[in-house]
Amino acid sequence: MSNRGFTLVELIAALAISSILLSLALPSFESMIEHYRTTSRVNSLIGLVRFARQAAVMERNWVTLCPARTVGDNQICTNSRQWQSGIMAFSDLNRNGVKESQERLLAYQPALKSGETLYWRAFRNRNYIQFTSAGYTNWQNGSFQYCPASRDPHHSKVIIINIPGRATPSVDSDGDGIDEYANGNPLACS
């Protein structure tokens, strides 16, 4: 009669090998999750910029994107370069960059997770982006920089918005695993 089971030594050896393999795989799995989170955040922002631009053309009206937060049942623009608290797009009838009660909310993107940052830096020093009815920005070009909560520059990304209103993500042109700014320097999360 043969036994069909494991001895205690075999079981301990199998558990030791499994734990070693798991400890080797876990860091790359966490890195993969952070990479997909960054990709999701960047694609969502690019989609919102494209939506705002298209809405301006379709409605034949100016549309403004601004950093926003929710107060009660309403979203309001914040006068900040930090956009991680939320972003809204609205029909800007009076073109002042502030959502008035008669102006229609077109889209709202909720806040990022704690520790993540989204910073806007632009020509003309405005804390919002306006699209004209032709789909161009109101002479604004600039860039968003997304940094994950880990502050790891390998998972940071820049999105460049040009005057014609096109959004372009940064790339890793030198193959070191870190995207570069337009001037060629590697991205840094400070």
Protein backbone atom coordinates (compact mmCIF):
# COMPACT_ATOMS: atom_id res chain seq x y z
CA MET A 1 0.00 0.00 0.00
CA SER A 2 1.52 3.36 -1.04
CA ASN A 3 0.94 6.66 0.73
CA ARG A 4 -0.23 9.63 -1.28
CA GLY A 5 0.81 12.69 0.66
CA PHE A 6 3.66 15.00 1.52
CA THR A 7 6.05 14.73 4.37
CA LEU A 8 6.56 17.69 6.65
CA VAL A 9 10.01 18.32 5.15
CA GLU A 10 8.60 18.35 1.60
CA LEU A 11 5.84 20.75 2.64
CA ILE A 12 8.29 23.17 4.30
CA ALA A 13 10.58 23.04 1.27
CA ALA A 14 7.66 23.79 -1.08
CA LEU A 15 6.55 26.73 1.10
CA ALA A 16 10.11 28.12 1.22
CA ILE A 17 10.47 27.96 -2.57
CA SER A 18 7.02 29.56 -3.02
CA SER A 19 7.81 32.41 -0.64
CA ILE A 20 11.14 33.10 -2.39
CA LEU A 21 9.45 33.22 -5.80
CA LEU A 22 6.69 35.46 -4.45
CA SER A 23 9.19 37.88 -2.89
CA LEU A 24 10.97 38.14 -6.25
CA ALA A 25 7.75 38.73 -8.21
CA LEU A 26 6.05 41.21 -5.85
CA PRO A 27 8.19 44.32 -6.61
CA SER A 28 7.70 43.98 -10.36
CA PHE A 29 3.97 43.40 -9.82
CA GLU A 30 3.72 46.64 -7.78
CA SER A 31 5.66 48.49 -10.48
CA MET A 32 3.31 47.13 -13.13
CA ILE A 33 0.27 48.31 -11.15
CA GLU A 34 1.77 51.80 -10.77
CA HIS A 35 2.55 51.89 -14.50
CA TYR A 36 -1.07 51.05 -15.37
CA ARG A 37 -2.36 53.61 -12.85
CA THR A 38 -0.21 56.32 -14.47
CA THR A 39 -1.37 55.31 -17.94
CA SER A 40 -4.99 55.45 -16.77
CA ARG A 41 -4.57 58.92 -15.21
CA VAL A 42 -2.83 60.32 -18.30
CA ASN A 43 -5.36 58.84 -20.73
CA SER A 44 -8.23 60.18 -18.64
CA LEU A 45 -6.75 63.69 -18.65
CA ILE A 46 -6.02 63.62 -22.38
CA GLY A 47 -9.58 62.42 -22.96
CA LEU A 48 -10.96 65.31 -20.90
CA VAL A 49 -8.84 67.87 -22.79
CA ARG A 50 -10.00 66.43 -26.13
CA PHE A 51 -13.60 66.39 -24.93
CA ALA A 52 -13.43 70.07 -23.88
CA ARG A 53 -11.88 71.05 -27.21
CA GLN A 54 -14.51 69.12 -29.17
CA ALA A 55 -17.34 70.57 -27.04
CA ALA A 56 -16.11 74.10 -27.80
CA VAL A 57 -16.23 73.39 -31.53
CA MET A 58 -19.56 71.55 -31.45
CA GLU A 59 -21.32 74.15 -29.27
CA ARG A 60 -19.64 77.08 -31.05
CA ASN A 61 -18.81 78.50 -27.65
CA TRP A 62 -15.82 78.84 -25.38
CA VAL A 63 -15.17 75.96 -22.97
CA THR A 64 -12.97 76.27 -19.90
CA LEU A 65 -11.10 73.53 -18.03
CA CYS A 66 -10.17 74.44 -14.47
CA PRO A 67 -8.99 72.78 -11.27
CA ALA A 68 -12.11 72.18 -9.20
CA ARG A 69 -13.44 70.94 -5.91
CA THR A 70 -16.92 70.01 -4.78
CA VAL A 71 -18.70 72.29 -2.33
CA GLY A 72 -22.07 70.86 -1.34
CA ASP A 73 -23.77 69.86 -4.58
CA ASN A 74 -21.72 72.22 -6.75
CA GLN A 75 -18.30 72.16 -8.34
CA ILE A 76 -16.28 75.38 -8.20
CA CYS A 77 -13.01 76.39 -9.84
CA THR A 78 -10.07 76.78 -7.53
CA ASN A 79 -7.37 79.31 -8.26
CA SER A 80 -4.56 76.79 -8.06
CA ARG A 81 -1.89 75.21 -10.19
CA GLN A 82 -2.53 71.95 -8.34
CA TRP A 83 -5.24 70.09 -10.26
CA GLN A 84 -5.36 66.84 -8.24
CA SER A 85 -8.47 67.98 -6.30
CA GLY A 86 -10.60 67.53 -9.43
CA ILE A 87 -11.12 69.05 -12.86
CA MET A 88 -14.22 70.42 -14.52
CA ALA A 89 -15.13 71.53 -18.02
CA PHE A 90 -17.91 74.05 -18.52
CA SER A 91 -19.39 76.34 -21.18
CA ASP A 92 -17.80 79.68 -20.43
CA LEU A 93 -20.38 82.10 -21.83
CA ASN A 94 -18.68 85.24 -20.51
CA ARG A 95 -15.14 83.87 -21.08
CA ASN A 96 -13.90 84.82 -17.61
CA GLY A 97 -12.56 81.39 -16.58
CA VAL A 98 -14.98 81.09 -13.64
CA LYS A 99 -18.11 78.94 -13.69
CA GLU A 100 -21.16 81.11 -13.14
CA SER A 101 -24.58 79.71 -12.17
CA GLN A 102 -25.99 80.09 -15.71
CA GLU A 103 -23.04 78.25 -17.31
CA ARG A 104 -23.46 74.55 -17.98
CA LEU A 105 -21.14 71.94 -16.45
CA LEU A 106 -19.98 69.64 -19.26
CA ALA A 107 -17.70 67.20 -17.41
CA TYR A 108 -16.20 66.65 -14.00
CA GLN A 109 -13.21 64.46 -13.18
CA PRO A 110 -12.95 63.58 -9.47
CA ALA A 111 -9.90 64.04 -7.26
CA LEU A 112 -6.85 61.82 -7.58
CA LYS A 113 -5.83 59.47 -4.79
CA SER A 114 -4.02 60.90 -1.79
CA GLY A 115 -0.38 61.74 -2.54
CA GLU A 116 -0.80 61.90 -6.33
CA THR A 117 -0.20 65.34 -7.87
CA LEU A 118 -1.19 67.02 -11.10
CA TYR A 119 0.50 70.35 -11.69
CA TRP A 120 -0.30 72.84 -14.50
CA ARG A 121 2.28 75.29 -15.81
CA ALA A 122 1.44 77.55 -18.73
CA PHE A 123 2.32 80.49 -20.86
CA ARG A 124 0.28 83.59 -19.89
CA ASN A 125 0.29 82.37 -16.27
CA ARG A 126 -3.36 81.29 -16.04
CA ASN A 127 -4.70 78.55 -13.78
CA TYR A 128 -7.25 77.37 -16.33
CA ILE A 129 -7.36 76.37 -19.99
CA GLN A 130 -9.85 77.94 -22.39
CA PHE A 131 -10.83 76.58 -25.77
CA THR A 132 -12.31 78.95 -28.33
CA SER A 133 -15.18 77.99 -30.60
CA ALA A 134 -12.56 77.16 -33.26
CA GLY A 135 -10.98 74.53 -30.96
CA TYR A 136 -7.82 76.52 -30.23
CA THR A 137 -6.66 77.44 -26.78
CA ASN A 138 -6.93 81.11 -25.87
CA TRP A 139 -3.25 81.58 -26.75
CA GLN A 140 -2.30 79.19 -24.00
CA ASN A 141 0.29 76.52 -24.30
CA GLY A 142 1.56 74.65 -21.29
CA SER A 143 1.94 71.30 -19.65
CA PHE A 144 0.51 69.11 -16.95
CA GLN A 145 2.83 66.98 -14.87
CA TYR A 146 1.43 63.93 -13.13
CA CYS A 147 3.42 62.39 -10.26
CA PRO A 148 2.34 59.23 -8.45
CA ALA A 149 2.15 59.03 -4.66
CA SER A 150 5.48 57.13 -4.63
CA ARG A 151 7.17 60.17 -6.30
CA ASP A 152 8.98 57.68 -8.57
CA PRO A 153 9.95 59.54 -11.78
CA HIS A 154 9.72 56.24 -13.70
CA HIS A 155 5.93 56.58 -13.31
CA SER A 156 5.69 60.34 -13.87
CA LYS A 157 4.30 61.81 -17.06
CA VAL A 158 3.97 65.23 -18.71
CA ILE A 159 1.13 66.16 -21.05
CA ILE A 160 1.88 69.07 -23.36
CA ILE A 161 -1.02 71.25 -24.57
CA ASN A 162 -0.21 73.42 -27.58
CA ILE A 163 -2.04 76.49 -28.90
CA PRO A 164 -4.06 74.47 -31.47
CA GLY A 165 -5.38 72.53 -28.44
CA ARG A 166 -3.67 69.20 -28.99
CA ALA A 167 -2.59 67.15 -25.98
CA THR A 168 0.62 65.12 -26.34
CA PRO A 169 2.12 62.88 -23.63
CA SER A 170 5.85 62.87 -22.86
CA VAL A 171 8.08 60.04 -24.05
CA ASP A 172 11.24 58.29 -22.90
CA SER A 173 13.49 59.14 -25.84
CA ASP A 174 16.78 57.97 -24.32
CA GLY A 175 15.50 54.58 -23.09
CA ASP A 176 16.42 55.05 -19.40
CA GLY A 177 12.86 54.36 -18.19
CA ILE A 178 12.11 58.02 -17.34
CA ASP A 179 10.25 60.35 -19.71
CA GLU A 180 11.84 63.69 -20.56
CA TYR A 181 10.63 67.29 -20.50
CA ALA A 182 10.56 69.16 -23.82
CA ASN A 183 14.10 70.42 -23.09
CA GLY A 184 15.43 66.84 -22.85
CA ASN A 185 15.93 66.71 -19.08
CA PRO A 186 14.45 63.69 -17.26
CA LEU A 187 11.18 64.19 -15.37
CA ALA A 188 11.49 64.66 -11.62
CA CYS A 189 8.84 64.58 -8.90
CA SER A 190 9.82 66.90 -6.09
